[in-house]
Amino acid sequence: MYNTQFQAPVSGTIAANNATIDISENDGALSGIQVTGTWVGTITVEGSNDNSNFSSLPIINRTSHALTTTITSNGIYEADTNGFQYLRIKSTAWTSGTATIVTDGSKASSSHIHTILRASDGTAIGSVGDALKITGSITTSPGPTGQATMTNSQPVVVASDQSTIPVNDGISSGGVYGALTMTTAGTTYEAKVNASSLSGRSLLTILPTTSDIYFGFSNTVTTSTGTKIPKDQMLSIKINKQSTVAIWLVSASASVNVRITEAP
């Protein structure tokens, strides 16, 4: 049994079952372990904080990058010893020969990250150390904007109507304008130039020229419940092109002239 502090590379040999190389005051987060010689047996790496109760540590073969818990052949290995004060390299089975072991510690953590991929029910898919490979198709039902299904790829959302993709929020073409006469006091009138509001309008302006008026989003709006638009003051309202919302006007006076503009 070898017992030394982990201040420099430590070397030793194992030639029998239950032989150990013990390293005390280990302050390394990562231990590199090189094994050479002619031998037949099984070696494990263990960690402890009380130097009495040891637990087996996972080991990474630096050549194959496979994760294991035993060493059965020559090579270079690394063990994550972060958090352990004591490190033990131990033979748990031995047939013949002598293994020469050189180990050193590093404060750097391992660059190898091993993750187990699990199914929705918690069942492991593959094992630690396996290369991650996902095959198959990802299929989704078309949504309102039209989702294209692509094999072995994430779904890409594509607008089904390319003409509705806005390129800016400014006026793209001329609209309509005119005068609306609110003939009867207390009666609601829809803010529009023609018999129907402009299809696909995105801008509506309202300018009362003879009296204050009030607006709302229902034909039940009154001068008591509506929002006031003072005489000679213009209100601009941006509207979603796909919306059919109506704006209603009412006044306490009769024969009120209102200038209306609708733009796409």
Protein backbone atom coordinates (compact mmCIF):
# COMPACT_ATOMS: atom_id res chain seq x y z
CA MET A 1 0.00 0.00 0.00
CA TYR A 2 1.29 3.44 -0.96
CA ASN A 3 0.13 6.48 1.02
CA THR A 4 1.19 9.95 -0.06
CA GLN A 5 -0.18 13.46 -0.54
CA PHE A 6 -1.46 14.46 -3.97
CA GLN A 7 1.06 17.26 -4.47
CA ALA A 8 2.95 15.68 -7.40
CA PRO A 9 2.51 12.69 -9.71
CA VAL A 10 2.18 9.51 -7.65
CA SER A 11 3.37 6.15 -8.95
CA GLY A 12 3.01 2.62 -7.60
CA THR A 13 2.45 -0.96 -8.59
CA ILE A 14 -0.32 -3.47 -8.06
CA ALA A 15 0.54 -7.16 -8.25
CA ALA A 16 -2.04 -8.90 -6.05
CA ASN A 17 -5.71 -8.86 -5.21
CA ASN A 18 -6.87 -6.10 -2.78
CA ALA A 19 -3.62 -4.18 -3.24
CA THR A 20 -4.13 -0.41 -3.03
CA ILE A 21 -2.51 2.89 -3.80
CA ASP A 22 -3.91 5.43 -1.32
CA ILE A 23 -3.63 9.17 -1.89
CA SER A 24 -4.47 11.48 1.02
CA GLU A 25 -5.36 15.18 1.05
CA ASN A 26 -6.52 15.05 -2.53
CA ASP A 27 -7.43 18.59 -3.63
CA GLY A 28 -7.81 17.79 -7.31
CA ALA A 29 -11.12 17.96 -9.14
CA LEU A 30 -9.85 15.54 -11.79
CA SER A 31 -7.39 12.65 -11.56
CA GLY A 32 -5.48 11.33 -14.54
CA ILE A 33 -4.49 7.67 -14.23
CA GLN A 34 -1.99 5.93 -16.50
CA VAL A 35 -1.73 2.13 -16.37
CA THR A 36 1.11 0.12 -17.97
CA GLY A 37 2.69 -3.31 -17.55
CA THR A 38 1.89 -6.93 -18.20
CA TRP A 39 -0.98 -8.07 -16.01
CA VAL A 40 -4.39 -9.68 -15.83
CA GLY A 41 -6.87 -8.35 -13.30
CA THR A 42 -9.43 -5.72 -12.38
CA ILE A 43 -8.70 -2.28 -10.92
CA THR A 44 -11.17 0.23 -9.48
CA VAL A 45 -10.90 3.86 -8.39
CA GLU A 46 -12.59 4.85 -5.13
CA GLY A 47 -13.19 8.10 -3.24
CA SER A 48 -13.75 8.89 0.44
CA ASN A 49 -13.91 11.82 2.84
CA ASP A 50 -13.24 9.90 6.09
CA ASN A 51 -10.50 7.58 4.75
CA SER A 52 -12.57 4.64 5.93
CA ASN A 53 -15.69 4.32 3.79
CA PHE A 54 -14.83 4.29 0.10
CA SER A 55 -17.17 4.35 -2.90
CA SER A 56 -16.40 3.37 -6.47
CA LEU A 57 -15.98 6.30 -8.90
CA PRO A 58 -16.79 6.34 -12.62
CA ILE A 59 -13.78 6.22 -14.91
CA ILE A 60 -13.41 7.59 -18.44
CA ASN A 61 -11.15 5.86 -20.94
CA ARG A 62 -9.40 8.79 -22.62
CA THR A 63 -8.85 6.82 -25.83
CA SER A 64 -12.35 5.43 -26.42
CA HIS A 65 -14.15 8.04 -24.24
CA ALA A 66 -16.17 5.17 -22.80
CA LEU A 67 -17.42 5.49 -19.24
CA THR A 68 -16.81 2.52 -16.95
CA THR A 69 -16.22 1.62 -13.28
CA THR A 70 -13.28 -0.76 -13.74
CA ILE A 71 -9.88 -0.84 -15.45
CA THR A 72 -8.93 -4.16 -17.05
CA SER A 73 -6.27 -3.08 -19.57
CA ASN A 74 -3.45 -0.63 -20.02
CA GLY A 75 -4.34 2.90 -20.99
CA ILE A 76 -4.93 6.45 -19.80
CA TYR A 77 -8.03 7.10 -17.72
CA GLU A 78 -9.53 9.98 -15.79
CA ALA A 79 -11.74 10.04 -12.72
CA ASP A 80 -13.82 12.90 -11.36
CA THR A 81 -12.53 13.19 -7.80
CA ASN A 82 -14.03 16.59 -7.04
CA GLY A 83 -15.31 16.70 -3.46
CA PHE A 84 -13.25 13.77 -2.13
CA GLN A 85 -10.34 14.14 0.31
CA TYR A 86 -9.00 10.64 -0.25
CA LEU A 87 -8.44 8.64 -3.42
CA ARG A 88 -7.79 4.89 -3.58
CA ILE A 89 -6.74 2.82 -6.58
CA LYS A 90 -7.49 -0.81 -5.75
CA SER A 91 -7.38 -4.25 -7.32
CA THR A 92 -10.63 -6.16 -6.85
CA ALA A 93 -9.58 -9.27 -8.79
CA TRP A 94 -6.12 -10.48 -9.81
CA THR A 95 -4.77 -13.31 -11.92
CA SER A 96 -1.17 -12.47 -12.68
CA GLY A 97 1.47 -9.85 -13.47
CA THR A 98 2.24 -6.35 -12.24
CA ALA A 99 0.45 -3.13 -13.20
CA THR A 100 2.42 0.10 -12.96
CA ILE A 101 0.23 3.10 -12.17
CA VAL A 102 1.06 6.81 -12.37
CA THR A 103 -1.60 9.30 -11.31
CA ASP A 104 -1.79 13.07 -10.99
CA GLY A 105 -4.50 15.54 -10.00
CA SER A 106 -5.84 18.72 -11.55
CA LYS A 107 -8.09 21.43 -10.16
CA ALA A 108 -9.84 21.68 -13.52
CA SER A 109 -13.09 19.77 -13.93
CA SER A 110 -13.63 17.19 -16.63
CA SER A 111 -14.54 18.35 -20.11
CA HIS A 112 -16.55 15.14 -20.56
CA ILE A 113 -20.23 15.44 -19.76
CA HIS A 114 -22.26 12.23 -19.70
CA THR A 115 -26.03 12.38 -19.85
CA ILE A 116 -28.62 9.65 -20.01
CA LEU A 117 -31.45 10.34 -22.45
CA ARG A 118 -34.77 9.16 -21.01
CA ALA A 119 -38.20 8.54 -22.50
CA SER A 120 -41.31 10.25 -21.13
CA ASP A 121 -41.88 7.30 -18.76
CA GLY A 122 -38.36 7.64 -17.33
CA THR A 123 -36.90 4.62 -19.17
CA ALA A 124 -33.25 5.11 -20.12
CA ILE A 125 -32.55 5.27 -23.86
CA GLY A 126 -29.09 3.85 -24.51
CA SER A 127 -26.43 4.09 -21.81
CA VAL A 128 -23.85 6.51 -20.48
CA GLY A 129 -21.05 6.93 -22.97
CA ASP A 130 -23.17 6.10 -26.04
CA ALA A 131 -23.13 8.62 -28.86
CA LEU A 132 -26.37 10.59 -28.98
CA LYS A 133 -28.23 10.01 -32.24
CA ILE A 134 -31.84 10.98 -32.90
CA THR A 135 -33.57 9.59 -35.97
CA GLY A 136 -37.10 9.69 -37.30
CA SER A 137 -39.57 12.35 -38.33
CA ILE A 138 -41.12 15.20 -36.41
CA THR A 139 -44.72 15.64 -37.54
CA THR A 140 -47.15 18.34 -36.48
CA SER A 141 -50.70 19.12 -37.52
CA PRO A 142 -51.03 22.20 -39.73
CA GLY A 143 -52.02 25.24 -37.72
CA PRO A 144 -53.89 28.38 -38.79
CA THR A 145 -50.74 29.82 -40.36
CA GLY A 146 -49.81 26.54 -42.08
CA GLN A 147 -46.97 24.57 -40.49
CA ALA A 148 -44.79 22.66 -42.91
CA THR A 149 -43.71 19.16 -41.80
CA MET A 150 -40.05 18.42 -42.51
CA THR A 151 -38.41 14.99 -42.09
CA ASN A 152 -35.70 14.84 -39.39
CA SER A 153 -36.09 18.52 -38.65
CA GLN A 154 -37.96 20.89 -36.41
CA PRO A 155 -41.23 22.26 -37.87
CA VAL A 156 -40.93 25.55 -39.70
CA VAL A 157 -43.87 27.92 -39.59
CA VAL A 158 -44.76 29.29 -43.02
CA ALA A 159 -47.58 31.76 -43.59
CA SER A 160 -50.22 30.14 -45.81
CA ASP A 161 -51.09 33.52 -47.34
CA GLN A 162 -47.83 35.21 -48.27
CA SER A 163 -49.67 38.39 -49.28
CA THR A 164 -50.64 39.06 -45.66
CA ILE A 165 -47.06 39.29 -44.39
CA PRO A 166 -46.55 42.98 -43.51
CA VAL A 167 -43.36 44.62 -44.67
CA ASN A 168 -44.01 47.90 -42.83
CA ASP A 169 -46.72 49.61 -40.84
CA GLY A 170 -47.16 52.61 -43.19
CA ILE A 171 -49.89 53.34 -45.75
CA SER A 172 -49.31 51.13 -48.81
CA SER A 173 -51.93 52.65 -51.13
CA GLY A 174 -54.62 55.30 -51.27
CA GLY A 175 -57.79 54.98 -49.23
CA VAL A 176 -61.15 56.74 -49.12
CA TYR A 177 -62.24 59.98 -47.50
CA GLY A 178 -65.38 62.00 -47.21
CA ALA A 179 -67.91 63.76 -44.98
CA LEU A 180 -70.33 62.06 -42.61
CA THR A 181 -73.39 64.05 -41.49
CA MET A 182 -74.75 63.04 -38.11
CA THR A 183 -78.28 64.25 -38.74
CA THR A 184 -80.00 63.38 -35.48
CA ALA A 185 -78.74 64.19 -31.98
CA GLY A 186 -78.34 61.11 -29.76
CA THR A 187 -78.35 58.69 -32.72
CA THR A 188 -75.26 56.56 -33.35
CA TYR A 189 -73.49 56.54 -36.71
CA GLU A 190 -70.72 54.20 -37.85
CA ALA A 191 -67.44 55.93 -38.70
CA LYS A 192 -67.09 55.08 -42.40
CA VAL A 193 -67.12 56.89 -45.72
CA ASN A 194 -69.26 54.60 -47.86
CA ALA A 195 -72.08 52.17 -47.17
CA SER A 196 -69.49 49.67 -45.87
CA SER A 197 -66.18 50.30 -44.16
CA LEU A 198 -63.06 49.98 -46.32
CA SER A 199 -61.96 46.32 -46.52
CA GLY A 200 -58.59 45.72 -44.91
CA ARG A 201 -58.36 49.22 -43.49
CA SER A 202 -55.50 49.82 -41.07
CA LEU A 203 -56.05 53.51 -40.34
CA LEU A 204 -59.18 55.47 -39.50
CA THR A 205 -59.23 59.22 -38.83
CA ILE A 206 -62.21 61.15 -37.41
CA LEU A 207 -62.48 64.96 -37.37
CA PRO A 208 -65.68 66.71 -36.18
CA THR A 209 -65.92 70.21 -37.71
CA THR A 210 -69.09 71.64 -36.21
CA SER A 211 -69.51 70.19 -32.71
CA ASP A 212 -68.02 67.84 -30.15
CA ILE A 213 -68.78 64.16 -30.67
CA TYR A 214 -68.24 60.92 -28.73
CA PHE A 215 -67.07 57.51 -29.93
CA GLY A 216 -67.28 53.91 -28.75
CA PHE A 217 -67.09 50.32 -29.99
CA SER A 218 -70.83 49.61 -29.86
CA ASN A 219 -73.88 51.20 -31.45
CA THR A 220 -75.24 51.65 -27.92
CA VAL A 221 -72.65 54.32 -27.10
CA THR A 222 -74.07 57.60 -25.72
CA THR A 223 -72.75 61.04 -24.99
CA SER A 224 -72.52 59.91 -21.36
CA THR A 225 -70.54 56.70 -21.98
CA GLY A 226 -68.48 57.53 -25.07
CA THR A 227 -65.03 59.09 -25.34
CA LYS A 228 -65.10 62.73 -26.37
CA ILE A 229 -63.57 64.03 -29.61
CA PRO A 230 -63.59 67.85 -29.37
CA LYS A 231 -64.61 69.98 -32.34
CA ASP A 232 -61.79 70.52 -34.85
CA GLN A 233 -59.65 67.83 -33.13
CA MET A 234 -58.68 64.74 -35.14
CA LEU A 235 -58.58 61.21 -33.72
CA SER A 236 -56.42 58.58 -35.50
CA ILE A 237 -57.07 54.90 -34.82
CA LYS A 238 -54.82 52.08 -36.05
CA ILE A 239 -56.78 48.94 -36.93
CA ASN A 240 -55.69 45.37 -37.60
CA LYS A 241 -56.17 44.66 -41.30
CA GLN A 242 -58.01 41.42 -40.53
CA SER A 243 -60.35 43.10 -38.05
CA THR A 244 -63.93 44.06 -38.85
CA VAL A 245 -64.34 46.21 -35.75
CA ALA A 246 -66.74 49.13 -36.12
CA ILE A 247 -66.32 52.56 -34.51
CA TRP A 248 -69.57 54.32 -33.57
CA LEU A 249 -70.14 58.04 -33.16
CA VAL A 250 -72.82 60.04 -31.33
CA SER A 251 -73.39 63.72 -30.68
CA ALA A 252 -75.59 65.87 -28.42
CA SER A 253 -76.21 68.19 -31.37
CA ALA A 254 -77.97 67.68 -34.70
CA SER A 255 -76.49 68.07 -38.19
CA VAL A 256 -72.89 67.55 -37.09
CA ASN A 257 -70.35 67.35 -39.90
CA VAL A 258 -67.52 64.78 -39.45
CA ARG A 259 -64.63 64.25 -41.87
CA ILE A 260 -63.66 60.57 -42.18
CA THR A 261 -60.56 58.97 -43.73
CA GLU A 262 -59.99 55.21 -44.17
CA ALA A 263 -56.65 53.89 -45.42
CA PRO A 264 -55.43 50.31 -46.11
